[in-house]
All heavy atoms as atom14 arrays in JSON, in Angstrom:
{
  "sequence": "KQDYKKTKSALKATRLKAEAKKSSTGFRDAFLVVAAILFFVLCV",
  "atom14_mask": [
    [1, 1, 1, 1, 1, 1, 1, 1, 1, 0, 0, 0, 0, 0],
    [1, 1, 1, 1, 1, 1, 1, 1, 1, 0, 0, 0, 0, 0],
    [1, 1, 1, 1, 1, 1, 1, 1, 0, 0, 0, 0, 0, 0],
    [1, 1, 1, 1, 1, 1, 1, 1, 1, 1, 1, 1, 0, 0],
    [1, 1, 1, 1, 1, 1, 1, 1, 1, 0, 0, 0, 0, 0],
    [1, 1, 1, 1, 1, 1, 1, 1, 1, 0, 0, 0, 0, 0],
    [1, 1, 1, 1, 1, 1, 1, 0, 0, 0, 0, 0, 0, 0],
    [1, 1, 1, 1, 1, 1, 1, 1, 1, 0, 0, 0, 0, 0],
    [1, 1, 1, 1, 1, 1, 0, 0, 0, 0, 0, 0, 0, 0],
    [1, 1, 1, 1, 1, 0, 0, 0, 0, 0, 0, 0, 0, 0],
    [1, 1, 1, 1, 1, 1, 1, 1, 0, 0, 0, 0, 0, 0],
    [1, 1, 1, 1, 1, 1, 1, 1, 1, 0, 0, 0, 0, 0],
    [1, 1, 1, 1, 1, 0, 0, 0, 0, 0, 0, 0, 0, 0],
    [1, 1, 1, 1, 1, 1, 1, 0, 0, 0, 0, 0, 0, 0],
    [1, 1, 1, 1, 1, 1, 1, 1, 1, 1, 1, 0, 0, 0],
    [1, 1, 1, 1, 1, 1, 1, 1, 0, 0, 0, 0, 0, 0],
    [1, 1, 1, 1, 1, 1, 1, 1, 1, 0, 0, 0, 0, 0],
    [1, 1, 1, 1, 1, 0, 0, 0, 0, 0, 0, 0, 0, 0],
    [1, 1, 1, 1, 1, 1, 1, 1, 1, 0, 0, 0, 0, 0],
    [1, 1, 1, 1, 1, 0, 0, 0, 0, 0, 0, 0, 0, 0],
    [1, 1, 1, 1, 1, 1, 1, 1, 1, 0, 0, 0, 0, 0],
    [1, 1, 1, 1, 1, 1, 1, 1, 1, 0, 0, 0, 0, 0],
    [1, 1, 1, 1, 1, 1, 0, 0, 0, 0, 0, 0, 0, 0],
    [1, 1, 1, 1, 1, 1, 0, 0, 0, 0, 0, 0, 0, 0],
    [1, 1, 1, 1, 1, 1, 1, 0, 0, 0, 0, 0, 0, 0],
    [1, 1, 1, 1, 0, 0, 0, 0, 0, 0, 0, 0, 0, 0],
    [1, 1, 1, 1, 1, 1, 1, 1, 1, 1, 1, 0, 0, 0],
    [1, 1, 1, 1, 1, 1, 1, 1, 1, 1, 1, 0, 0, 0],
    [1, 1, 1, 1, 1, 1, 1, 1, 0, 0, 0, 0, 0, 0],
    [1, 1, 1, 1, 1, 0, 0, 0, 0, 0, 0, 0, 0, 0],
    [1, 1, 1, 1, 1, 1, 1, 1, 1, 1, 1, 0, 0, 0],
    [1, 1, 1, 1, 1, 1, 1, 1, 0, 0, 0, 0, 0, 0],
    [1, 1, 1, 1, 1, 1, 1, 0, 0, 0, 0, 0, 0, 0],
    [1, 1, 1, 1, 1, 1, 1, 0, 0, 0, 0, 0, 0, 0],
    [1, 1, 1, 1, 1, 0, 0, 0, 0, 0, 0, 0, 0, 0],
    [1, 1, 1, 1, 1, 0, 0, 0, 0, 0, 0, 0, 0, 0],
    [1, 1, 1, 1, 1, 1, 1, 1, 0, 0, 0, 0, 0, 0],
    [1, 1, 1, 1, 1, 1, 1, 1, 0, 0, 0, 0, 0, 0],
    [1, 1, 1, 1, 1, 1, 1, 1, 1, 1, 1, 0, 0, 0],
    [1, 1, 1, 1, 1, 1, 1, 1, 1, 1, 1, 0, 0, 0],
    [1, 1, 1, 1, 1, 1, 1, 0, 0, 0, 0, 0, 0, 0],
    [1, 1, 1, 1, 1, 1, 1, 1, 0, 0, 0, 0, 0, 0],
    [1, 1, 1, 1, 1, 1, 0, 0, 0, 0, 0, 0, 0, 0],
    [1, 1, 1, 1, 1, 1, 1, 0, 0, 0, 0, 0, 0, 0]
  ],
  "atom14_positions": [
    [[2.38, 17.96, 27.58], [1.18, 17.24, 27.17], [0.76, 17.64, 25.76], [0.35, 16.8, 24.96], [0.04, 17.52, 28.15], [0.16, 16.81, 29.47], [-1.02, 17.11, 30.36], [-0.9, 16.43, 31.7], [-2.03, 16.75, 32.59], [0.0, 0.0, 0.0], [0.0, 0.0, 0.0], [0.0, 0.0, 0.0], [0.0, 0.0, 0.0], [0.0, 0.0, 0.0]],
    [[0.86, 18.92, 25.45], [0.49, 19.38, 24.11], [1.43, 18.79, 23.06], [0.99, 18.35, 22.0], [0.52, 20.9, 24.04], [-0.61, 21.55, 24.82], [-0.51, 23.06, 24.84], [0.44, 23.63, 24.31], [-1.48, 23.7, 25.46], [0.0, 0.0, 0.0], [0.0, 0.0, 0.0], [0.0, 0.0, 0.0], [0.0, 0.0, 0.0], [0.0, 0.0, 0.0]],
    [[2.71, 18.77, 23.36], [3.67, 18.17, 22.43], [3.4, 16.68, 22.26], [3.51, 16.16, 21.15], [5.11, 18.39, 22.91], [5.57, 19.82, 22.73], [4.93, 20.55, 21.94], [6.56, 20.21, 23.37], [0.0, 0.0, 0.0], [0.0, 0.0, 0.0], [0.0, 0.0, 0.0], [0.0, 0.0, 0.0], [0.0, 0.0, 0.0], [0.0, 0.0, 0.0]],
    [[3.04, 16.01, 23.32], [2.74, 14.58, 23.23], [1.53, 14.36, 22.33], [1.52, 13.47, 21.48], [2.48, 13.99, 24.61], [2.03, 12.56, 24.58], [2.92, 11.55, 24.26], [0.7, 12.22, 24.82], [2.51, 10.22, 24.2], [0.29, 10.91, 24.78], [1.2, 9.92, 24.47], [0.78, 8.61, 24.41], [0.0, 0.0, 0.0], [0.0, 0.0, 0.0]],
    [[0.52, 15.2, 22.48], [-0.67, 15.05, 21.64], [-0.33, 15.28, 20.18], [-0.83, 14.59, 19.3], [-1.76, 16.03, 22.09], [-2.4, 15.65, 23.41], [-3.45, 16.66, 23.82], [-4.03, 16.31, 25.17], [-5.0, 17.32, 25.62], [0.0, 0.0, 0.0], [0.0, 0.0, 0.0], [0.0, 0.0, 0.0], [0.0, 0.0, 0.0], [0.0, 0.0, 0.0]],
    [[0.5, 16.25, 19.9], [0.87, 16.52, 18.52], [1.63, 15.33, 17.93], [1.35, 14.89, 16.83], [1.73, 17.78, 18.43], [0.98, 19.05, 18.65], [1.91, 20.24, 18.57], [1.2, 21.52, 18.93], [2.11, 22.67, 18.96], [0.0, 0.0, 0.0], [0.0, 0.0, 0.0], [0.0, 0.0, 0.0], [0.0, 0.0, 0.0], [0.0, 0.0, 0.0]],
    [[2.58, 14.83, 18.67], [3.37, 13.73, 18.14], [2.51, 12.46, 18.04], [2.7, 11.68, 17.12], [4.6, 13.46, 19.02], [4.18, 13.18, 20.36], [5.55, 14.63, 19.0], [0.0, 0.0, 0.0], [0.0, 0.0, 0.0], [0.0, 0.0, 0.0], [0.0, 0.0, 0.0], [0.0, 0.0, 0.0], [0.0, 0.0, 0.0], [0.0, 0.0, 0.0]],
    [[1.56, 12.29, 18.94], [0.7, 11.12, 18.89], [-0.17, 11.16, 17.62], [-0.29, 10.16, 16.92], [-0.18, 11.05, 20.13], [-0.99, 9.79, 20.25], [-1.76, 9.76, 21.56], [-2.57, 8.5, 21.7], [-3.33, 8.47, 22.95], [0.0, 0.0, 0.0], [0.0, 0.0, 0.0], [0.0, 0.0, 0.0], [0.0, 0.0, 0.0], [0.0, 0.0, 0.0]],
    [[-0.72, 12.31, 17.31], [-1.55, 12.42, 16.1], [-0.69, 12.29, 14.85], [-1.11, 11.7, 13.85], [-2.31, 13.73, 16.08], [-1.41, 14.83, 16.03], [0.0, 0.0, 0.0], [0.0, 0.0, 0.0], [0.0, 0.0, 0.0], [0.0, 0.0, 0.0], [0.0, 0.0, 0.0], [0.0, 0.0, 0.0], [0.0, 0.0, 0.0], [0.0, 0.0, 0.0]],
    [[0.52, 12.84, 14.91], [1.42, 12.72, 13.76], [1.82, 11.26, 13.56], [1.88, 10.78, 12.42], [2.66, 13.58, 13.97], [0.0, 0.0, 0.0], [0.0, 0.0, 0.0], [0.0, 0.0, 0.0], [0.0, 0.0, 0.0], [0.0, 0.0, 0.0], [0.0, 0.0, 0.0], [0.0, 0.0, 0.0], [0.0, 0.0, 0.0], [0.0, 0.0, 0.0]],
    [[2.06, 10.55, 14.64], [2.4, 9.13, 14.54], [1.22, 8.33, 14.0], [1.4, 7.41, 13.19], [2.82, 8.57, 15.9], [4.18, 9.04, 16.43], [4.39, 8.52, 17.85], [5.28, 8.56, 15.52], [0.0, 0.0, 0.0], [0.0, 0.0, 0.0], [0.0, 0.0, 0.0], [0.0, 0.0, 0.0], [0.0, 0.0, 0.0], [0.0, 0.0, 0.0]],
    [[0.02, 8.69, 14.43], [-1.17, 7.99, 13.94], [-1.34, 8.22, 12.44], [-1.64, 7.29, 11.69], [-2.41, 8.48, 14.69], [-3.65, 7.72, 14.35], [-4.82, 8.18, 15.19], [-6.08, 7.42, 14.86], [-7.22, 7.87, 15.68], [0.0, 0.0, 0.0], [0.0, 0.0, 0.0], [0.0, 0.0, 0.0], [0.0, 0.0, 0.0], [0.0, 0.0, 0.0]],
    [[-1.14, 9.46, 11.99], [-1.25, 9.76, 10.56], [-0.19, 9.01, 9.76], [-0.46, 8.48, 8.68], [-1.13, 11.26, 10.33], [0.0, 0.0, 0.0], [0.0, 0.0, 0.0], [0.0, 0.0, 0.0], [0.0, 0.0, 0.0], [0.0, 0.0, 0.0], [0.0, 0.0, 0.0], [0.0, 0.0, 0.0], [0.0, 0.0, 0.0], [0.0, 0.0, 0.0]],
    [[1.01, 8.96, 10.29], [2.09, 8.25, 9.62], [1.79, 6.75, 9.55], [2.01, 6.11, 8.52], [3.42, 8.46, 10.37], [3.65, 9.86, 10.49], [4.57, 7.82, 9.64], [0.0, 0.0, 0.0], [0.0, 0.0, 0.0], [0.0, 0.0, 0.0], [0.0, 0.0, 0.0], [0.0, 0.0, 0.0], [0.0, 0.0, 0.0], [0.0, 0.0, 0.0]],
    [[1.25, 6.2, 10.62], [0.9, 4.78, 10.64], [-0.2, 4.47, 9.63], [-0.12, 3.48, 8.89], [0.46, 4.36, 12.04], [0.29, 2.85, 12.17], [-0.32, 2.44, 13.48], [-1.76, 2.64, 13.37], [-2.52, 3.25, 14.27], [-1.99, 3.71, 15.38], [-3.81, 3.4, 14.09], [0.0, 0.0, 0.0], [0.0, 0.0, 0.0], [0.0, 0.0, 0.0]],
    [[-1.22, 5.32, 9.56], [-2.3, 5.11, 8.6], [-1.79, 5.2, 7.17], [-2.2, 4.42, 6.3], [-3.42, 6.12, 8.84], [-4.22, 5.93, 10.13], [-5.2, 7.07, 10.32], [-4.94, 4.59, 10.12], [0.0, 0.0, 0.0], [0.0, 0.0, 0.0], [0.0, 0.0, 0.0], [0.0, 0.0, 0.0], [0.0, 0.0, 0.0], [0.0, 0.0, 0.0]],
    [[-0.89, 6.13, 6.92], [-0.33, 6.28, 5.58], [0.48, 5.04, 5.21], [0.42, 4.56, 4.08], [0.54, 7.53, 5.51], [0.99, 7.9, 4.12], [1.89, 9.12, 4.13], [1.09, 10.37, 4.34], [1.91, 11.59, 4.2], [0.0, 0.0, 0.0], [0.0, 0.0, 0.0], [0.0, 0.0, 0.0], [0.0, 0.0, 0.0], [0.0, 0.0, 0.0]],
    [[1.24, 4.52, 6.16], [2.05, 3.33, 5.9], [1.17, 2.12, 5.64], [1.45, 1.3, 4.76], [2.99, 3.07, 7.07], [0.0, 0.0, 0.0], [0.0, 0.0, 0.0], [0.0, 0.0, 0.0], [0.0, 0.0, 0.0], [0.0, 0.0, 0.0], [0.0, 0.0, 0.0], [0.0, 0.0, 0.0], [0.0, 0.0, 0.0], [0.0, 0.0, 0.0]],
    [[0.08, 1.99, 6.39], [-0.84, 0.87, 6.18], [-1.51, 0.97, 4.82], [-1.69, -0.04, 4.14], [-1.89, 0.82, 7.28], [-1.36, 0.34, 8.62], [-2.42, 0.39, 9.71], [-3.57, 0.78, 9.42], [-2.08, 0.04, 10.84], [0.0, 0.0, 0.0], [0.0, 0.0, 0.0], [0.0, 0.0, 0.0], [0.0, 0.0, 0.0], [0.0, 0.0, 0.0]],
    [[-1.89, 2.17, 4.41], [-2.5, 2.35, 3.1], [-1.52, 1.99, 1.99], [-1.89, 1.36, 1.0], [-2.99, 3.79, 2.95], [0.0, 0.0, 0.0], [0.0, 0.0, 0.0], [0.0, 0.0, 0.0], [0.0, 0.0, 0.0], [0.0, 0.0, 0.0], [0.0, 0.0, 0.0], [0.0, 0.0, 0.0], [0.0, 0.0, 0.0], [0.0, 0.0, 0.0]],
    [[-0.28, 2.36, 2.18], [0.73, 2.05, 1.17], [0.97, 0.55, 1.11], [1.11, -0.02, 0.03], [2.03, 2.78, 1.5], [3.11, 2.62, 0.46], [4.33, 3.43, 0.81], [5.4, 3.28, -0.24], [6.61, 4.01, 0.11], [0.0, 0.0, 0.0], [0.0, 0.0, 0.0], [0.0, 0.0, 0.0], [0.0, 0.0, 0.0], [0.0, 0.0, 0.0]],
    [[1.0, -0.1, 2.25], [1.23, -1.54, 2.29], [0.08, -2.28, 1.61], [0.3, -3.21, 0.83], [1.37, -2.02, 3.73], [1.67, -3.51, 3.85], [1.68, -3.95, 5.3], [3.02, -3.68, 5.93], [3.12, -4.28, 7.27], [0.0, 0.0, 0.0], [0.0, 0.0, 0.0], [0.0, 0.0, 0.0], [0.0, 0.0, 0.0], [0.0, 0.0, 0.0]],
    [[-1.16, -1.89, 1.86], [-2.29, -2.59, 1.26], [-2.37, -2.31, -0.23], [-2.75, -3.17, -1.02], [-3.6, -2.18, 1.94], [-3.88, -0.82, 1.69], [0.0, 0.0, 0.0], [0.0, 0.0, 0.0], [0.0, 0.0, 0.0], [0.0, 0.0, 0.0], [0.0, 0.0, 0.0], [0.0, 0.0, 0.0], [0.0, 0.0, 0.0], [0.0, 0.0, 0.0]],
    [[-2.02, -1.11, -0.67], [-2.06, -0.82, -2.11], [-0.96, -1.58, -2.84], [-1.12, -1.94, -4.0], [-1.9, 0.68, -2.35], [-0.6, 1.11, -2.02], [0.0, 0.0, 0.0], [0.0, 0.0, 0.0], [0.0, 0.0, 0.0], [0.0, 0.0, 0.0], [0.0, 0.0, 0.0], [0.0, 0.0, 0.0], [0.0, 0.0, 0.0], [0.0, 0.0, 0.0]],
    [[0.14, -1.85, -2.17], [1.21, -2.64, -2.78], [0.72, -4.05, -3.07], [1.06, -4.62, -4.1], [2.43, -2.69, -1.84], [2.84, -1.36, -1.58], [3.58, -3.44, -2.47], [0.0, 0.0, 0.0], [0.0, 0.0, 0.0], [0.0, 0.0, 0.0], [0.0, 0.0, 0.0], [0.0, 0.0, 0.0], [0.0, 0.0, 0.0], [0.0, 0.0, 0.0]],
    [[-0.1, -4.61, -2.21], [-0.66, -5.93, -2.43], [-1.54, -5.96, -3.67], [-1.47, -6.89, -4.48], [0.0, 0.0, 0.0], [0.0, 0.0, 0.0], [0.0, 0.0, 0.0], [0.0, 0.0, 0.0], [0.0, 0.0, 0.0], [0.0, 0.0, 0.0], [0.0, 0.0, 0.0], [0.0, 0.0, 0.0], [0.0, 0.0, 0.0], [0.0, 0.0, 0.0]],
    [[-2.36, -4.93, -3.85], [-3.2, -4.86, -5.04], [-2.36, -4.7, -6.29], [-2.65, -5.29, -7.33], [-4.2, -3.69, -4.93], [-5.26, -3.91, -3.89], [-5.44, -2.98, -2.88], [-6.07, -5.02, -3.93], [-6.42, -3.17, -1.93], [-7.05, -5.23, -2.98], [-7.23, -4.29, -1.98], [0.0, 0.0, 0.0], [0.0, 0.0, 0.0], [0.0, 0.0, 0.0]],
    [[-1.33, -3.89, -6.2], [-0.46, -3.66, -7.36], [0.26, -4.94, -7.75], [0.35, -5.28, -8.94], [0.54, -2.55, -7.05], [1.36, -2.15, -8.27], [2.32, -1.05, -7.96], [3.31, -1.57, -7.04], [4.13, -0.83, -6.32], [4.05, 0.48, -6.4], [5.01, -1.37, -5.51], [0.0, 0.0, 0.0], [0.0, 0.0, 0.0], [0.0, 0.0, 0.0]],
    [[0.74, -5.69, -6.76], [1.42, -6.95, -7.05], [0.46, -7.95, -7.68], [0.82, -8.64, -8.64], [2.03, -7.53, -5.77], [3.21, -6.73, -5.28], [3.75, -5.93, -6.06], [3.6, -6.93, -4.1], [0.0, 0.0, 0.0], [0.0, 0.0, 0.0], [0.0, 0.0, 0.0], [0.0, 0.0, 0.0], [0.0, 0.0, 0.0], [0.0, 0.0, 0.0]],
    [[-0.75, -8.02, -7.17], [-1.73, -8.94, -7.73], [-2.06, -8.54, -9.17], [-2.18, -9.4, -10.05], [-2.99, -8.95, -6.88], [0.0, 0.0, 0.0], [0.0, 0.0, 0.0], [0.0, 0.0, 0.0], [0.0, 0.0, 0.0], [0.0, 0.0, 0.0], [0.0, 0.0, 0.0], [0.0, 0.0, 0.0], [0.0, 0.0, 0.0], [0.0, 0.0, 0.0]],
    [[-2.2, -7.27, -9.41], [-2.48, -6.78, -10.77], [-1.34, -7.14, -11.72], [-1.58, -7.55, -12.86], [-2.71, -5.27, -10.75], [-2.91, -4.69, -12.13], [-4.09, -4.89, -12.81], [-1.9, -3.97, -12.74], [-4.28, -4.38, -14.08], [-2.07, -3.45, -14.0], [-3.26, -3.65, -14.67], [0.0, 0.0, 0.0], [0.0, 0.0, 0.0], [0.0, 0.0, 0.0]],
    [[-0.1, -6.98, -11.27], [1.04, -7.31, -12.12], [1.1, -8.8, -12.44], [1.43, -9.19, -13.58], [2.34, -6.87, -11.46], [2.59, -5.36, -11.41], [3.84, -5.05, -10.62], [2.7, -4.8, -12.81], [0.0, 0.0, 0.0], [0.0, 0.0, 0.0], [0.0, 0.0, 0.0], [0.0, 0.0, 0.0], [0.0, 0.0, 0.0], [0.0, 0.0, 0.0]],
    [[0.76, -9.65, -11.49], [0.76, -11.09, -11.74], [-0.32, -11.45, -12.75], [-0.07, -12.2, -13.7], [0.56, -11.87, -10.41], [0.27, -13.33, -10.67], [1.77, -11.7, -9.52], [0.0, 0.0, 0.0], [0.0, 0.0, 0.0], [0.0, 0.0, 0.0], [0.0, 0.0, 0.0], [0.0, 0.0, 0.0], [0.0, 0.0, 0.0], [0.0, 0.0, 0.0]],
    [[-1.51, -10.9, -12.58], [-2.6, -11.18, -13.53], [-2.24, -10.65, -14.91], [-2.48, -11.33, -15.92], [-3.92, -10.56, -13.02], [-5.0, -10.61, -14.09], [-4.38, -11.27, -11.76], [0.0, 0.0, 0.0], [0.0, 0.0, 0.0], [0.0, 0.0, 0.0], [0.0, 0.0, 0.0], [0.0, 0.0, 0.0], [0.0, 0.0, 0.0], [0.0, 0.0, 0.0]],
    [[-1.64, -9.47, -15.0], [-1.24, -8.91, -16.29], [-0.18, -9.78, -16.96], [-0.23, -10.0, -18.18], [-0.72, -7.49, -16.1], [0.0, 0.0, 0.0], [0.0, 0.0, 0.0], [0.0, 0.0, 0.0], [0.0, 0.0, 0.0], [0.0, 0.0, 0.0], [0.0, 0.0, 0.0], [0.0, 0.0, 0.0], [0.0, 0.0, 0.0], [0.0, 0.0, 0.0]],
    [[0.76, -10.31, -16.2], [1.8, -11.18, -16.76], [1.19, -12.47, -17.3], [1.57, -12.95, -18.38], [2.86, -11.48, -15.71], [0.0, 0.0, 0.0], [0.0, 0.0, 0.0], [0.0, 0.0, 0.0], [0.0, 0.0, 0.0], [0.0, 0.0, 0.0], [0.0, 0.0, 0.0], [0.0, 0.0, 0.0], [0.0, 0.0, 0.0], [0.0, 0.0, 0.0]],
    [[0.26, -13.04, -16.57], [-0.4, -14.27, -17.03], [-1.19, -14.01, -18.3], [-1.13, -14.79, -19.26], [-1.3, -14.86, -15.91], [-0.43, -15.37, -14.76], [-2.2, -15.96, -16.45], [-1.2, -15.76, -13.53], [0.0, 0.0, 0.0], [0.0, 0.0, 0.0], [0.0, 0.0, 0.0], [0.0, 0.0, 0.0], [0.0, 0.0, 0.0], [0.0, 0.0, 0.0]],
    [[-1.93, -12.91, -18.34], [-2.69, -12.56, -19.55], [-1.77, -12.32, -20.73], [-2.08, -12.73, -21.86], [-3.57, -11.35, -19.29], [-4.78, -11.58, -18.39], [-5.51, -10.27, -18.14], [-5.73, -12.6, -19.02], [0.0, 0.0, 0.0], [0.0, 0.0, 0.0], [0.0, 0.0, 0.0], [0.0, 0.0, 0.0], [0.0, 0.0, 0.0], [0.0, 0.0, 0.0]],
    [[-0.66, -11.69, -20.52], [0.3, -11.44, -21.59], [0.85, -12.77, -22.13], [0.96, -12.96, -23.34], [1.44, -10.55, -21.1], [2.47, -10.26, -22.15], [2.19, -9.37, -23.18], [3.72, -10.87, -22.11], [3.13, -9.1, -24.16], [4.66, -10.62, -23.08], [4.37, -9.72, -24.11], [0.0, 0.0, 0.0], [0.0, 0.0, 0.0], [0.0, 0.0, 0.0]],
    [[1.16, -13.69, -21.24], [1.66, -15.01, -21.65], [0.61, -15.76, -22.47], [0.92, -16.33, -23.52], [2.06, -15.83, -20.42], [2.51, -17.21, -20.73], [3.75, -17.43, -21.31], [1.69, -18.31, -20.47], [4.18, -18.71, -21.61], [2.11, -19.59, -20.77], [3.36, -19.79, -21.35], [0.0, 0.0, 0.0], [0.0, 0.0, 0.0], [0.0, 0.0, 0.0]],
    [[-0.64, -15.74, -22.01], [-1.72, -16.41, -22.74], [-1.91, -15.76, -24.1], [-2.11, -16.45, -25.11], [-3.02, -16.4, -21.91], [-4.22, -16.84, -22.73], [-2.86, -17.28, -20.68], [0.0, 0.0, 0.0], [0.0, 0.0, 0.0], [0.0, 0.0, 0.0], [0.0, 0.0, 0.0], [0.0, 0.0, 0.0], [0.0, 0.0, 0.0], [0.0, 0.0, 0.0]],
    [[-1.83, -14.46, -24.18], [-1.97, -13.75, -25.45], [-0.85, -14.12, -26.41], [-1.09, -14.32, -27.61], [-1.97, -12.23, -25.21], [-2.12, -11.36, -26.44], [-3.51, -11.52, -27.03], [-1.85, -9.92, -26.1], [0.0, 0.0, 0.0], [0.0, 0.0, 0.0], [0.0, 0.0, 0.0], [0.0, 0.0, 0.0], [0.0, 0.0, 0.0], [0.0, 0.0, 0.0]],
    [[0.37, -14.24, -25.9], [1.49, -14.64, -26.76], [1.3, -16.06, -27.3], [1.55, -16.31, -28.49], [2.81, -14.55, -25.99], [3.34, -12.86, -25.66], [0.0, 0.0, 0.0], [0.0, 0.0, 0.0], [0.0, 0.0, 0.0], [0.0, 0.0, 0.0], [0.0, 0.0, 0.0], [0.0, 0.0, 0.0], [0.0, 0.0, 0.0], [0.0, 0.0, 0.0]],
    [[0.86, -16.98, -26.45], [0.61, -18.35, -26.89], [-0.5, -18.37, -27.94], [-0.4, -19.04, -28.98], [0.27, -19.27, -25.69], [-0.23, -20.63, -26.15], [1.48, -19.4, -24.79], [0.0, 0.0, 0.0], [0.0, 0.0, 0.0], [0.0, 0.0, 0.0], [0.0, 0.0, 0.0], [0.0, 0.0, 0.0], [0.0, 0.0, 0.0], [0.0, 0.0, 0.0]]
  ]
}
């Protein structure tokens, strides 16, 4: 039971870290798209 609790909390921490990484990737992608559009407008 103790080992199960440890692995359960470790799995929860790993899942939260993965979700945070996935959501930050969305922001980074959106930022890159906006930066590319601004760069294109600046060049024109």
